[in-house]
Amino acid sequence: MPKDLSNYRKSYEKKALLESGCPENPIELFRDWFLNADDSEMVDESNAMTISSIGLDGFPKSRVVLLKKYTWEGFIFYTNYNSEKGKSIAANNNICLSFFWAGLEQQVIIKGKAEKLSENLSDGYFDSRPDGSKLGAWASDQSKVVQSREELDSSLKTFEQKFEGSEIKRPKHWGGYLVKPISIEFWQGRPNRMHDRIRYTLDEDFSWKIERLAP
């Protein structure tokens, strides 16, 4: 049955975002917001982010992935390079990351270029994962059509037997990306839909231009 959602409304009144509170580097502001979200009981997974890329079919696609690290250089996540996501990034590495912390009425939108991490860094993170997750990286031919759940379970069992009693090394088709930002926008909900939007844009001299956007 159709459902009318036109009366779904919420007034955002928790905080403000003013230029006077914005540091020169957006990574500093992201760090402050992320740590606050991470400590908040109103946020379940502070590192859950939506990654949007342009697929080989020309359409954008978004999916939720977990951020695993942020540095002064950018934002790191891991995936199967042969997946639909990995193939889309290989063809066009301009992607967008979006964090939405609903309980805090905050959103961060990051545009940047994704670059593969070195094999050493990907190895280091893979080695830190639980064995079950390591086996999953081997067993799942990510984004491929499968006939049943049983097919997936059978593949996992095959690799459990293969690696029984031995070290589980990282498969070459699995690894990390570093997203180097060129634009980071911070959104803070405000009353009457007059939200605060502050955008940082990377200049040619690698300084950041700070601008307020109309909501």
N, C-alpha and C. Protein backbone atom coordinates (compact mmCIF):
# COMPACT_ATOMS: atom_id res chain seq x y z
N MET A 1 0.83 -1.20 0.00
CA MET A 1 0.00 0.00 0.00
C MET A 1 0.87 1.26 0.00
N PRO A 2 0.52 2.26 -0.79
CA PRO A 2 1.24 3.53 -0.75
C PRO A 2 1.11 4.18 0.62
N LYS A 3 2.12 4.91 1.01
CA LYS A 3 2.10 5.60 2.30
C LYS A 3 2.57 7.03 2.10
N ASP A 4 1.81 7.98 2.60
CA ASP A 4 2.15 9.40 2.49
C ASP A 4 3.09 9.77 3.63
N LEU A 5 4.29 10.24 3.28
CA LEU A 5 5.30 10.60 4.28
C LEU A 5 5.46 12.11 4.41
N SER A 6 4.54 12.87 3.83
CA SER A 6 4.71 14.32 3.77
C SER A 6 4.67 14.98 5.14
N ASN A 7 4.11 14.31 6.14
CA ASN A 7 4.05 14.89 7.48
C ASN A 7 5.20 14.44 8.38
N TYR A 8 6.13 13.67 7.83
CA TYR A 8 7.29 13.26 8.61
C TYR A 8 8.24 14.45 8.72
N ARG A 9 8.37 14.99 9.91
CA ARG A 9 9.24 16.17 10.11
C ARG A 9 9.93 16.09 11.47
N LYS A 10 11.10 16.68 11.51
CA LYS A 10 11.84 16.80 12.76
C LYS A 10 12.56 18.12 12.76
N SER A 11 12.54 18.81 13.89
CA SER A 11 13.26 20.07 14.00
C SER A 11 14.65 19.80 14.58
N TYR A 12 15.68 20.25 13.87
CA TYR A 12 17.06 20.03 14.31
C TYR A 12 17.51 21.23 15.15
N GLU A 13 17.83 20.97 16.41
CA GLU A 13 18.09 22.08 17.33
C GLU A 13 19.26 21.85 18.28
N LYS A 14 20.07 20.84 18.03
CA LYS A 14 21.07 20.46 19.04
C LYS A 14 22.30 21.35 19.05
N LYS A 15 22.81 21.73 17.87
CA LYS A 15 24.07 22.46 17.82
C LYS A 15 24.07 23.45 16.68
N ALA A 16 25.14 24.27 16.65
CA ALA A 16 25.38 25.18 15.53
C ALA A 16 26.80 24.93 15.02
N LEU A 17 27.03 25.30 13.78
CA LEU A 17 28.37 25.21 13.18
C LEU A 17 28.72 26.57 12.62
N LEU A 18 29.65 27.26 13.28
CA LEU A 18 30.04 28.61 12.88
C LEU A 18 31.48 28.63 12.39
N GLU A 19 31.77 29.57 11.51
CA GLU A 19 33.11 29.68 10.95
C GLU A 19 34.16 29.89 12.05
N SER A 20 33.77 30.57 13.11
CA SER A 20 34.72 30.85 14.19
C SER A 20 35.21 29.58 14.88
N GLY A 21 34.47 28.49 14.73
CA GLY A 21 34.86 27.23 15.34
C GLY A 21 35.49 26.25 14.37
N CYS A 22 35.79 26.73 13.16
CA CYS A 22 36.34 25.84 12.13
C CYS A 22 37.86 25.99 12.03
N PRO A 23 38.62 24.92 12.22
CA PRO A 23 40.08 25.00 12.06
C PRO A 23 40.45 25.14 10.59
N GLU A 24 41.71 25.43 10.32
CA GLU A 24 42.17 25.60 8.93
C GLU A 24 42.13 24.29 8.15
N ASN A 25 42.36 23.18 8.83
CA ASN A 25 42.40 21.88 8.17
C ASN A 25 41.13 21.09 8.51
N PRO A 26 40.38 20.62 7.50
CA PRO A 26 39.12 19.93 7.78
C PRO A 26 39.31 18.59 8.49
N ILE A 27 40.50 17.99 8.39
CA ILE A 27 40.72 16.72 9.08
C ILE A 27 40.61 16.92 10.59
N GLU A 28 41.01 18.10 11.07
CA GLU A 28 40.87 18.39 12.50
C GLU A 28 39.41 18.42 12.91
N LEU A 29 38.58 19.06 12.10
CA LEU A 29 37.15 19.13 12.41
C LEU A 29 36.52 17.75 12.30
N PHE A 30 36.91 16.98 11.28
CA PHE A 30 36.39 15.62 11.16
C PHE A 30 36.76 14.81 12.40
N ARG A 31 38.01 14.93 12.84
CA ARG A 31 38.45 14.20 14.03
C ARG A 31 37.57 14.54 15.23
N ASP A 32 37.31 15.83 15.44
CA ASP A 32 36.49 16.25 16.58
C ASP A 32 35.08 15.69 16.48
N TRP A 33 34.50 15.79 15.29
CA TRP A 33 33.14 15.27 15.10
C TRP A 33 33.11 13.76 15.25
N PHE A 34 34.10 13.07 14.68
CA PHE A 34 34.11 11.62 14.75
C PHE A 34 34.26 11.14 16.19
N LEU A 35 35.18 11.73 16.94
CA LEU A 35 35.38 11.31 18.32
C LEU A 35 34.13 11.55 19.15
N ASN A 36 33.43 12.64 18.87
CA ASN A 36 32.18 12.91 19.57
C ASN A 36 31.13 11.86 19.22
N ALA A 37 31.04 11.51 17.93
CA ALA A 37 30.09 10.48 17.50
C ALA A 37 30.45 9.13 18.10
N ASP A 38 31.75 8.85 18.17
CA ASP A 38 32.21 7.57 18.69
C ASP A 38 31.88 7.41 20.17
N ASP A 39 31.87 8.53 20.89
CA ASP A 39 31.56 8.50 22.33
C ASP A 39 30.07 8.58 22.61
N SER A 40 29.27 8.89 21.60
CA SER A 40 27.85 9.15 21.82
C SER A 40 27.04 7.85 21.85
N GLU A 41 26.13 7.76 22.81
CA GLU A 41 25.22 6.62 22.89
C GLU A 41 24.15 6.69 21.80
N MET A 42 24.05 7.82 21.11
CA MET A 42 23.05 7.99 20.06
C MET A 42 23.54 7.53 18.69
N VAL A 43 24.80 7.08 18.63
CA VAL A 43 25.38 6.62 17.36
C VAL A 43 25.84 5.18 17.54
N ASP A 44 25.33 4.27 16.70
CA ASP A 44 25.67 2.85 16.81
C ASP A 44 27.05 2.54 16.22
N GLU A 45 27.24 2.87 14.97
CA GLU A 45 28.52 2.60 14.30
C GLU A 45 29.04 3.91 13.73
N SER A 46 29.89 4.56 14.49
CA SER A 46 30.37 5.88 14.08
C SER A 46 31.19 5.82 12.80
N ASN A 47 31.80 4.67 12.52
CA ASN A 47 32.67 4.56 11.34
C ASN A 47 31.94 4.02 10.11
N ALA A 48 30.62 3.87 10.20
CA ALA A 48 29.85 3.44 9.02
C ALA A 48 29.70 4.63 8.08
N MET A 49 30.06 4.43 6.83
CA MET A 49 29.99 5.51 5.84
C MET A 49 29.41 4.97 4.54
N THR A 50 28.76 5.85 3.81
CA THR A 50 28.23 5.49 2.50
C THR A 50 29.25 5.87 1.43
N ILE A 51 29.63 4.90 0.62
CA ILE A 51 30.56 5.15 -0.49
C ILE A 51 29.77 5.16 -1.79
N SER A 52 29.90 6.23 -2.54
CA SER A 52 29.23 6.35 -3.83
C SER A 52 30.27 6.39 -4.94
N SER A 53 30.04 5.59 -5.96
CA SER A 53 30.93 5.56 -7.12
C SER A 53 30.09 5.42 -8.38
N ILE A 54 30.72 5.65 -9.52
CA ILE A 54 30.04 5.51 -10.81
C ILE A 54 30.36 4.14 -11.38
N GLY A 55 29.32 3.33 -11.59
CA GLY A 55 29.52 1.97 -12.08
C GLY A 55 29.88 1.91 -13.55
N LEU A 56 30.25 0.73 -13.99
CA LEU A 56 30.59 0.53 -15.39
C LEU A 56 29.38 0.72 -16.30
N ASP A 57 28.17 0.66 -15.72
CA ASP A 57 26.95 0.90 -16.49
C ASP A 57 26.60 2.37 -16.57
N GLY A 58 27.44 3.23 -15.98
CA GLY A 58 27.21 4.67 -16.03
C GLY A 58 26.33 5.20 -14.92
N PHE A 59 25.79 4.32 -14.08
CA PHE A 59 24.92 4.75 -12.99
C PHE A 59 25.70 4.86 -11.69
N PRO A 60 25.35 5.83 -10.84
CA PRO A 60 25.97 5.88 -9.51
C PRO A 60 25.41 4.77 -8.64
N LYS A 61 26.21 4.30 -7.71
CA LYS A 61 25.76 3.31 -6.74
C LYS A 61 26.37 3.64 -5.39
N SER A 62 25.56 3.50 -4.34
CA SER A 62 26.01 3.78 -2.98
C SER A 62 25.86 2.53 -2.13
N ARG A 63 26.80 2.36 -1.20
CA ARG A 63 26.73 1.24 -0.28
C ARG A 63 27.45 1.63 1.01
N VAL A 64 27.06 0.99 2.11
CA VAL A 64 27.66 1.31 3.40
C VAL A 64 28.89 0.42 3.62
N VAL A 65 30.00 1.06 3.96
CA VAL A 65 31.27 0.39 4.21
C VAL A 65 31.84 0.99 5.49
N LEU A 66 32.70 0.26 6.17
CA LEU A 66 33.27 0.76 7.42
C LEU A 66 34.61 1.46 7.18
N LEU A 67 34.72 2.67 7.69
CA LEU A 67 36.00 3.39 7.70
C LEU A 67 36.93 2.68 8.67
N LYS A 68 38.16 2.43 8.26
CA LYS A 68 39.10 1.73 9.12
C LYS A 68 40.22 2.61 9.67
N LYS A 69 40.42 3.77 9.05
CA LYS A 69 41.45 4.68 9.56
C LYS A 69 41.30 6.02 8.86
N TYR A 70 41.62 7.09 9.57
CA TYR A 70 41.75 8.40 8.92
C TYR A 70 43.07 9.02 9.34
N THR A 71 43.71 9.70 8.41
CA THR A 71 45.01 10.32 8.64
C THR A 71 44.97 11.72 8.04
N TRP A 72 46.08 12.43 8.13
CA TRP A 72 46.16 13.75 7.49
C TRP A 72 46.04 13.63 5.98
N GLU A 73 46.37 12.45 5.45
CA GLU A 73 46.29 12.24 4.00
C GLU A 73 44.87 11.94 3.53
N GLY A 74 44.09 11.26 4.36
CA GLY A 74 42.75 10.91 3.92
C GLY A 74 42.13 9.78 4.71
N PHE A 75 41.27 9.01 4.03
CA PHE A 75 40.38 8.06 4.68
C PHE A 75 40.57 6.67 4.06
N ILE A 76 40.69 5.65 4.93
CA ILE A 76 41.06 4.32 4.48
C ILE A 76 39.92 3.32 4.71
N PHE A 77 39.65 2.53 3.68
CA PHE A 77 38.72 1.40 3.82
C PHE A 77 39.27 0.23 3.01
N TYR A 78 38.69 -0.95 3.23
CA TYR A 78 39.16 -2.17 2.57
C TYR A 78 38.01 -2.87 1.87
N THR A 79 38.35 -3.56 0.78
CA THR A 79 37.31 -4.23 0.00
C THR A 79 37.93 -5.25 -0.94
N ASN A 80 37.07 -5.95 -1.66
CA ASN A 80 37.48 -6.86 -2.72
C ASN A 80 37.69 -6.05 -3.99
N TYR A 81 38.90 -6.07 -4.53
CA TYR A 81 39.19 -5.27 -5.72
C TYR A 81 38.41 -5.76 -6.96
N ASN A 82 37.97 -7.02 -6.93
CA ASN A 82 37.23 -7.57 -8.07
C ASN A 82 35.72 -7.39 -7.94
N SER A 83 35.28 -6.76 -6.86
CA SER A 83 33.85 -6.53 -6.66
C SER A 83 33.35 -5.45 -7.60
N GLU A 84 32.04 -5.28 -7.64
CA GLU A 84 31.46 -4.20 -8.45
C GLU A 84 32.04 -2.86 -8.02
N LYS A 85 32.19 -2.68 -6.73
CA LYS A 85 32.76 -1.45 -6.19
C LYS A 85 34.20 -1.25 -6.66
N GLY A 86 35.00 -2.33 -6.53
CA GLY A 86 36.39 -2.25 -6.93
C GLY A 86 36.56 -1.96 -8.42
N LYS A 87 35.73 -2.59 -9.24
CA LYS A 87 35.82 -2.35 -10.69
C LYS A 87 35.40 -0.94 -11.05
N SER A 88 34.40 -0.41 -10.34
CA SER A 88 33.97 0.96 -10.64
C SER A 88 35.05 1.96 -10.26
N ILE A 89 35.75 1.71 -9.15
CA ILE A 89 36.83 2.60 -8.73
C ILE A 89 38.01 2.51 -9.68
N ALA A 90 38.28 1.30 -10.19
CA ALA A 90 39.37 1.14 -11.15
C ALA A 90 39.11 1.94 -12.42
N ALA A 91 37.84 2.05 -12.81
CA ALA A 91 37.48 2.79 -14.02
C ALA A 91 37.37 4.28 -13.78
N ASN A 92 36.96 4.67 -12.58
CA ASN A 92 36.79 6.09 -12.24
C ASN A 92 36.98 6.22 -10.74
N ASN A 93 38.15 6.74 -10.34
CA ASN A 93 38.47 6.76 -8.91
C ASN A 93 37.98 8.01 -8.20
N ASN A 94 37.14 8.81 -8.86
CA ASN A 94 36.48 9.93 -8.17
C ASN A 94 35.28 9.38 -7.41
N ILE A 95 35.34 9.39 -6.09
CA ILE A 95 34.26 8.82 -5.30
C ILE A 95 33.84 9.79 -4.20
N CYS A 96 32.75 9.43 -3.52
CA CYS A 96 32.22 10.27 -2.45
C CYS A 96 31.98 9.40 -1.22
N LEU A 97 32.38 9.89 -0.07
CA LEU A 97 32.11 9.26 1.22
C LEU A 97 31.13 10.13 1.99
N SER A 98 30.18 9.51 2.65
CA SER A 98 29.20 10.28 3.42
C SER A 98 28.97 9.62 4.77
N PHE A 99 29.10 10.41 5.82
CA PHE A 99 28.77 9.97 7.18
C PHE A 99 27.51 10.70 7.62
N PHE A 100 26.55 9.97 8.18
CA PHE A 100 25.35 10.60 8.73
C PHE A 100 25.14 10.08 10.14
N TRP A 101 25.34 10.96 11.10
CA TRP A 101 25.13 10.64 12.51
C TRP A 101 23.81 11.27 12.93
N ALA A 102 22.72 10.53 12.71
CA ALA A 102 21.37 11.09 12.87
C ALA A 102 21.14 11.61 14.28
N GLY A 103 21.61 10.86 15.29
CA GLY A 103 21.38 11.28 16.66
C GLY A 103 22.03 12.59 17.02
N LEU A 104 23.06 12.98 16.27
CA LEU A 104 23.76 14.24 16.51
C LEU A 104 23.36 15.31 15.51
N GLU A 105 22.49 14.93 14.56
CA GLU A 105 22.04 15.86 13.51
C GLU A 105 23.23 16.41 12.72
N GLN A 106 24.14 15.50 12.37
CA GLN A 106 25.36 15.89 11.66
C GLN A 106 25.60 14.98 10.46
N GLN A 107 26.20 15.57 9.44
CA GLN A 107 26.57 14.84 8.23
C GLN A 107 27.91 15.39 7.72
N VAL A 108 28.73 14.49 7.20
CA VAL A 108 29.99 14.89 6.56
C VAL A 108 30.03 14.26 5.17
N ILE A 109 30.30 15.07 4.16
CA ILE A 109 30.36 14.61 2.77
C ILE A 109 31.77 14.87 2.24
N ILE A 110 32.43 13.81 1.80
CA ILE A 110 33.83 13.90 1.36
C ILE A 110 33.93 13.48 -0.10
N LYS A 111 34.42 14.39 -0.94
CA LYS A 111 34.72 14.05 -2.33
C LYS A 111 36.23 13.87 -2.44
N GLY A 112 36.65 12.82 -3.14
CA GLY A 112 38.08 12.61 -3.26
C GLY A 112 38.42 11.55 -4.29
N LYS A 113 39.72 11.28 -4.38
CA LYS A 113 40.23 10.28 -5.32
C LYS A 113 40.74 9.08 -4.53
N ALA A 114 40.28 7.90 -4.91
CA ALA A 114 40.67 6.67 -4.23
C ALA A 114 41.92 6.08 -4.86
N GLU A 115 42.91 5.78 -4.04
CA GLU A 115 44.15 5.15 -4.51
C GLU A 115 44.39 3.87 -3.71
N LYS A 116 44.84 2.83 -4.38
CA LYS A 116 45.13 1.58 -3.69
C LYS A 116 46.25 1.77 -2.68
N LEU A 117 46.09 1.13 -1.52
CA LEU A 117 47.16 1.12 -0.53
C LEU A 117 48.28 0.19 -0.99
N SER A 118 49.45 0.37 -0.41
CA SER A 118 50.55 -0.55 -0.69
C SER A 118 50.19 -1.95 -0.19
N GLU A 119 50.81 -2.95 -0.78
CA GLU A 119 50.54 -4.32 -0.35
C GLU A 119 50.93 -4.53 1.10
N ASN A 120 51.99 -3.86 1.55
CA ASN A 120 52.42 -4.01 2.95
C ASN A 120 51.35 -3.52 3.91
N LEU A 121 50.74 -2.37 3.60
CA LEU A 121 49.69 -1.85 4.48
C LEU A 121 48.46 -2.75 4.46
N SER A 122 48.09 -3.22 3.27
CA SER A 122 46.94 -4.13 3.19
C SER A 122 47.22 -5.44 3.93
N ASP A 123 48.46 -5.94 3.81
CA ASP A 123 48.84 -7.16 4.54
C ASP A 123 48.72 -6.94 6.04
N GLY A 124 49.20 -5.80 6.50
CA GLY A 124 49.19 -5.52 7.93
C GLY A 124 47.79 -5.50 8.50
N TYR A 125 46.86 -4.86 7.79
CA TYR A 125 45.48 -4.83 8.28
C TYR A 125 44.85 -6.22 8.19
N PHE A 126 45.07 -6.92 7.07
CA PHE A 126 44.47 -8.24 6.91
C PHE A 126 44.92 -9.18 8.02
N ASP A 127 46.18 -9.11 8.39
CA ASP A 127 46.71 -9.98 9.45
C ASP A 127 46.05 -9.72 10.79
N SER A 128 45.50 -8.51 10.99
CA SER A 128 44.87 -8.17 12.26
C SER A 128 43.42 -8.66 12.35
N ARG A 129 42.87 -9.14 11.25
CA ARG A 129 41.46 -9.53 11.21
C ARG A 129 41.25 -10.91 11.84
N PRO A 130 40.04 -11.18 12.36
CA PRO A 130 39.73 -12.52 12.85
C PRO A 130 39.81 -13.54 11.71
N ASP A 131 40.09 -14.79 12.05
CA ASP A 131 40.23 -15.82 11.02
C ASP A 131 38.97 -15.95 10.18
N GLY A 132 37.81 -15.81 10.80
CA GLY A 132 36.56 -15.93 10.06
C GLY A 132 36.45 -14.89 8.96
N SER A 133 36.86 -13.67 9.27
CA SER A 133 36.83 -12.60 8.27
C SER A 133 37.86 -12.84 7.17
N LYS A 134 39.02 -13.37 7.56
CA LYS A 134 40.04 -13.70 6.55
C LYS A 134 39.51 -14.75 5.58
N LEU A 135 38.88 -15.77 6.12
CA LEU A 135 38.35 -16.84 5.28
C LEU A 135 37.24 -16.31 4.37
N GLY A 136 36.43 -15.38 4.90
CA GLY A 136 35.37 -14.80 4.09
C GLY A 136 35.91 -14.06 2.88
N ALA A 137 37.07 -13.41 3.05
CA ALA A 137 37.68 -12.70 1.92
C ALA A 137 38.09 -13.66 0.81
N TRP A 138 38.47 -14.87 1.19
CA TRP A 138 38.81 -15.89 0.20
C TRP A 138 37.57 -16.54 -0.40
N ALA A 139 36.57 -16.79 0.44
CA ALA A 139 35.42 -17.60 0.02
C ALA A 139 34.41 -16.86 -0.83
N SER A 140 34.31 -15.54 -0.66
CA SER A 140 33.28 -14.78 -1.36
C SER A 140 33.82 -14.13 -2.62
N ASP A 141 33.28 -14.53 -3.75
CA ASP A 141 33.59 -13.87 -5.03
C ASP A 141 32.64 -12.68 -5.13
N GLN A 142 32.98 -11.63 -4.43
CA GLN A 142 32.05 -10.53 -4.16
C GLN A 142 31.41 -9.96 -5.42
N SER A 143 30.10 -9.75 -5.36
CA SER A 143 29.26 -9.18 -6.42
C SER A 143 28.88 -10.18 -7.51
N LYS A 144 29.44 -11.39 -7.47
CA LYS A 144 29.09 -12.42 -8.45
C LYS A 144 27.73 -13.01 -8.09
N VAL A 145 26.93 -13.33 -9.10
CA VAL A 145 25.64 -14.00 -8.87
C VAL A 145 25.90 -15.42 -8.39
N VAL A 146 25.23 -15.81 -7.28
CA VAL A 146 25.32 -17.18 -6.77
C VAL A 146 23.94 -17.81 -6.78
N GLN A 147 23.90 -19.13 -6.80
CA GLN A 147 22.63 -19.84 -6.94
C GLN A 147 21.89 -20.01 -5.62
N SER A 148 22.64 -20.02 -4.51
CA SER A 148 21.99 -20.27 -3.22
C SER A 148 22.92 -19.90 -2.09
N ARG A 149 22.34 -19.84 -0.88
CA ARG A 149 23.14 -19.63 0.32
C ARG A 149 24.08 -20.81 0.53
N GLU A 150 23.61 -21.99 0.16
CA GLU A 150 24.41 -23.20 0.33
C GLU A 150 25.72 -23.11 -0.46
N GLU A 151 25.67 -22.46 -1.61
CA GLU A 151 26.89 -22.29 -2.41
C GLU A 151 27.93 -21.47 -1.65
N LEU A 152 27.48 -20.42 -0.97
CA LEU A 152 28.40 -19.60 -0.18
C LEU A 152 28.97 -20.40 0.99
N ASP A 153 28.09 -21.12 1.70
CA ASP A 153 28.54 -21.90 2.85
C ASP A 153 29.52 -22.99 2.43
N SER A 154 29.28 -23.58 1.26
CA SER A 154 30.18 -24.62 0.75
C SER A 154 31.55 -24.04 0.42
N SER A 155 31.55 -22.84 -0.16
CA SER A 155 32.83 -22.19 -0.48
C SER A 155 33.61 -21.89 0.78
N LEU A 156 32.92 -21.40 1.82
CA LEU A 156 33.60 -21.11 3.08
C LEU A 156 34.18 -22.38 3.67
N LYS A 157 33.43 -23.46 3.64
CA LYS A 157 33.92 -24.72 4.20
C LYS A 157 35.16 -25.21 3.44
N THR A 158 35.16 -25.01 2.13
CA THR A 158 36.31 -25.41 1.31
C THR A 158 37.58 -24.70 1.76
N PHE A 159 37.46 -23.39 2.02
CA PHE A 159 38.65 -22.64 2.43
C PHE A 159 39.01 -22.89 3.89
N GLU A 160 38.02 -23.22 4.72
CA GLU A 160 38.33 -23.63 6.09
C GLU A 160 39.21 -24.87 6.08
N GLN A 161 38.88 -25.81 5.21
CA GLN A 161 39.68 -27.04 5.10
C GLN A 161 41.04 -26.76 4.49
N LYS A 162 41.08 -25.87 3.50
CA LYS A 162 42.34 -25.56 2.82
C LYS A 162 43.35 -24.94 3.78
N PHE A 163 42.88 -24.03 4.64
CA PHE A 163 43.80 -23.30 5.52
C PHE A 163 43.88 -23.89 6.92
N GLU A 164 43.26 -25.03 7.15
CA GLU A 164 43.27 -25.61 8.49
C GLU A 164 44.71 -25.85 8.97
N GLY A 165 45.02 -25.25 10.12
CA GLY A 165 46.34 -25.43 10.70
C GLY A 165 47.43 -24.59 10.07
N SER A 166 47.08 -23.71 9.13
CA SER A 166 48.10 -22.88 8.48
C SER A 166 47.69 -21.41 8.50
N GLU A 167 48.66 -20.55 8.23
CA GLU A 167 48.41 -19.12 8.24
C GLU A 167 47.55 -18.71 7.04
N ILE A 168 46.59 -17.82 7.29
CA ILE A 168 45.71 -17.35 6.23
C ILE A 168 46.26 -16.04 5.69
N LYS A 169 46.85 -16.09 4.52
CA LYS A 169 47.44 -14.91 3.90
C LYS A 169 46.38 -14.10 3.15
N ARG A 170 46.66 -12.84 2.94
CA ARG A 170 45.73 -11.97 2.20
C ARG A 170 45.67 -12.37 0.73
N PRO A 171 44.45 -12.55 0.18
CA PRO A 171 44.35 -12.78 -1.26
C PRO A 171 44.69 -11.50 -2.03
N LYS A 172 45.30 -11.64 -3.18
CA LYS A 172 45.74 -10.48 -3.95
C LYS A 172 44.58 -9.60 -4.42
N HIS A 173 43.38 -10.18 -4.49
CA HIS A 173 42.23 -9.41 -4.96
C HIS A 173 41.56 -8.60 -3.85
N TRP A 174 42.16 -8.60 -2.68
CA TRP A 174 41.56 -7.93 -1.52
C TRP A 174 42.57 -6.95 -0.94
N GLY A 175 42.12 -5.72 -0.64
CA GLY A 175 43.04 -4.75 -0.06
C GLY A 175 42.38 -3.42 0.22
N GLY A 176 43.21 -2.44 0.50
CA GLY A 176 42.69 -1.16 0.94
C GLY A 176 42.78 -0.06 -0.09
N TYR A 177 42.00 0.99 0.18
CA TYR A 177 42.05 2.24 -0.58
C TYR A 177 42.27 3.40 0.38
N LEU A 178 43.02 4.37 -0.07
CA LEU A 178 43.13 5.66 0.61
C LEU A 178 42.38 6.68 -0.24
N VAL A 179 41.38 7.32 0.35
CA VAL A 179 40.64 8.37 -0.36
C VAL A 179 41.24 9.71 0.04
N LYS A 180 41.89 10.37 -0.93
CA LYS A 180 42.49 11.67 -0.69
C LYS A 180 41.46 12.75 -0.99
N PRO A 181 41.05 13.51 0.01
CA PRO A 181 39.94 14.45 -0.18
C PRO A 181 40.33 15.68 -0.98
N ILE A 182 39.40 16.14 -1.81
CA ILE A 182 39.54 17.44 -2.47
C ILE A 182 38.46 18.40 -1.97
N SER A 183 37.44 17.85 -1.31
CA SER A 183 36.37 18.67 -0.76
C SER A 183 35.75 17.93 0.42
N ILE A 184 35.54 18.64 1.53
CA ILE A 184 34.87 18.06 2.70
C ILE A 184 33.83 19.06 3.18
N GLU A 185 32.58 18.62 3.20
CA GLU A 185 31.48 19.48 3.65
C GLU A 185 30.93 18.97 4.98
N PHE A 186 30.77 19.89 5.92
CA PHE A 186 30.20 19.58 7.22
C PHE A 186 28.80 20.18 7.30
N TRP A 187 27.84 19.35 7.69
CA TRP A 187 26.44 19.76 7.76
C TRP A 187 25.94 19.59 9.18
N GLN A 188 25.41 20.66 9.74
CA GLN A 188 24.81 20.61 11.07
C GLN A 188 23.36 21.04 10.97
N GLY A 189 22.45 20.15 11.39
CA GLY A 189 21.03 20.48 11.33
C GLY A 189 20.69 21.66 12.22
N ARG A 190 19.81 22.54 11.73
CA ARG A 190 19.37 23.73 12.47
C ARG A 190 17.86 23.88 12.32
N PRO A 191 17.23 24.68 13.19
CA PRO A 191 15.78 24.87 13.11
C PRO A 191 15.35 25.51 11.79
N ASN A 192 14.10 25.25 11.43
CA ASN A 192 13.47 25.86 10.25
C ASN A 192 14.19 25.52 8.94
N ARG A 193 14.90 24.39 8.94
CA ARG A 193 15.64 23.94 7.76
C ARG A 193 16.74 24.92 7.33
N MET A 194 17.11 25.83 8.24
CA MET A 194 18.21 26.77 7.95
C MET A 194 19.51 26.17 8.48
N HIS A 195 19.89 25.05 7.89
CA HIS A 195 21.02 24.27 8.38
C HIS A 195 22.35 24.99 8.14
N ASP A 196 23.33 24.63 8.95
CA ASP A 196 24.70 25.13 8.75
C ASP A 196 25.44 24.18 7.82
N ARG A 197 26.03 24.74 6.76
CA ARG A 197 26.84 23.96 5.82
C ARG A 197 28.17 24.69 5.61
N ILE A 198 29.25 24.06 6.01
CA ILE A 198 30.58 24.62 5.82
C ILE A 198 31.37 23.67 4.92
N ARG A 199 31.88 24.21 3.81
CA ARG A 199 32.63 23.39 2.85
C ARG A 199 34.09 23.81 2.80
N TYR A 200 34.96 22.83 2.90
CA TYR A 200 36.40 23.01 2.68
C TYR A 200 36.74 22.50 1.29
N THR A 201 37.47 23.31 0.51
CA THR A 201 37.90 22.91 -0.83
C THR A 201 39.41 23.05 -0.92
N LEU A 202 40.09 22.02 -1.42
CA LEU A 202 41.55 22.03 -1.52
C LEU A 202 42.00 22.90 -2.68
N ASP A 203 42.86 23.89 -2.38
CA ASP A 203 43.39 24.76 -3.42
C ASP A 203 44.66 24.16 -4.03
N GLU A 204 45.14 24.80 -5.11
CA GLU A 204 46.33 24.30 -5.80
C GLU A 204 47.57 24.34 -4.92
N ASP A 205 47.61 25.27 -3.96
CA ASP A 205 48.77 25.35 -3.06
C ASP A 205 48.60 24.44 -1.83
N PHE A 206 47.57 23.57 -1.87
CA PHE A 206 47.29 22.60 -0.82
C PHE A 206 46.79 23.22 0.48
N SER A 207 46.39 24.48 0.42
CA SER A 207 45.66 25.07 1.54
C SER A 207 44.17 24.80 1.32
N TRP A 208 43.38 25.05 2.35
CA TRP A 208 41.95 24.77 2.27
C TRP A 208 41.15 26.07 2.27
N LYS A 209 40.28 26.21 1.30
CA LYS A 209 39.36 27.35 1.25
C LYS A 209 38.09 26.97 2.01
N ILE A 210 37.65 27.85 2.89
CA ILE A 210 36.47 27.59 3.72
C ILE A 210 35.33 28.49 3.27
N GLU A 211 34.19 27.88 2.97
CA GLU A 211 33.03 28.64 2.50
C GLU A 211 31.77 28.13 3.20
N ARG A 212 30.85 29.06 3.44
CA ARG A 212 29.52 28.69 3.93
C ARG A 212 28.58 28.55 2.74
N LEU A 213 27.78 27.49 2.76
CA LEU A 213 26.81 27.24 1.70
C LEU A 213 25.39 27.45 2.23
N ALA A 214 24.52 27.96 1.38
CA ALA A 214 23.11 28.09 1.77
C ALA A 214 22.51 26.70 1.94
N PRO A 215 21.61 26.54 2.91
CA PRO A 215 21.03 25.21 3.14
C PRO A 215 20.04 24.82 2.04
